[in-house]
């Protein structure tokens, strides 16, 4: 079994590097060290991060 590599992208908020799993899926949310919540966008063979503008549900976990 091959281990998924990691992708290194740039945070659209602070510009610092963000490391995400290579098998990340479209719509996944990622928390960055700067406090931003980022949404993964996958399309046309490319992966990008955008600042998440929705609301996050807190299930009390």
Protein backbone atom coordinates (compact mmCIF):
# COMPACT_ATOMS: atom_id res chain seq x y z
CA UNK A 1 0.00 0.00 0.00
CA UNK A 2 1.41 3.35 -1.04
CA UNK A 3 1.37 6.13 1.51
CA UNK A 4 -0.27 9.34 0.25
CA UNK A 5 2.19 12.17 -0.18
CA UNK A 6 1.61 15.60 1.27
CA UNK A 7 0.88 18.73 -0.72
CA UNK A 8 2.44 22.06 0.19
CA UNK A 9 0.22 25.01 -0.65
CA UNK A 10 0.18 28.67 0.37
CA UNK A 11 -2.37 30.08 2.81
CA UNK A 12 -4.48 32.67 0.97
CA UNK A 13 -4.84 34.65 4.21
CA UNK A 14 -1.29 34.93 5.60
CA UNK A 15 0.84 33.56 2.75
CA UNK A 16 2.61 30.96 4.89
CA UNK A 17 2.89 27.32 3.78
CA UNK A 18 0.08 24.85 4.49
CA UNK A 19 0.73 21.11 4.35
CA UNK A 20 -2.25 18.91 3.51
CA UNK A 21 -2.58 15.19 2.71
CA UNK A 22 -2.20 14.23 -0.94
CA UNK A 23 -5.53 12.39 -0.87
CA UNK A 24 -7.49 15.46 0.27
CA UNK A 25 -11.03 15.76 -1.07
CA UNK A 26 -12.87 18.73 -2.54
CA UNK A 27 -14.71 20.68 0.15
CA UNK A 28 -12.56 19.51 3.07
CA UNK A 29 -11.84 22.15 5.70
CA UNK A 30 -8.32 22.76 7.01
CA UNK A 31 -7.37 24.81 10.08
CA UNK A 32 -4.17 26.82 9.61
CA UNK A 33 -1.74 28.10 12.23
CA UNK A 34 -2.79 31.71 11.52
CA UNK A 35 -6.32 30.87 12.72
CA UNK A 36 -7.91 30.81 9.27
CA UNK A 37 -10.29 28.04 8.24
CA UNK A 38 -9.49 27.08 4.67
CA UNK A 39 -11.60 25.13 2.19
CA UNK A 40 -9.96 22.77 -0.28
CA UNK A 41 -10.99 23.20 -3.92
CA UNK A 42 -10.06 20.39 -6.31
CA UNK A 43 -10.62 20.83 -10.02
CA UNK A 44 -8.93 20.24 -13.37
CA UNK A 45 -6.14 18.29 -11.69
CA UNK A 46 -5.24 21.19 -9.38
CA UNK A 47 -5.70 21.71 -5.65
CA UNK A 48 -6.12 25.18 -4.15
CA UNK A 49 -7.08 26.67 -0.81
CA UNK A 50 -9.64 29.43 -0.33
CA UNK A 51 -10.76 31.14 2.85
CA UNK A 52 -13.86 29.37 4.17
CA UNK A 53 -16.77 31.80 4.40
CA UNK A 54 -19.50 29.52 5.72
CA UNK A 55 -20.32 28.64 9.29
CA UNK A 56 -18.87 25.69 11.13
CA UNK A 57 -21.26 23.62 13.21
CA UNK A 58 -20.12 22.78 16.71
CA UNK A 59 -21.49 19.40 17.76
CA UNK A 60 -20.07 19.78 21.27
CA UNK A 61 -17.21 17.38 20.67
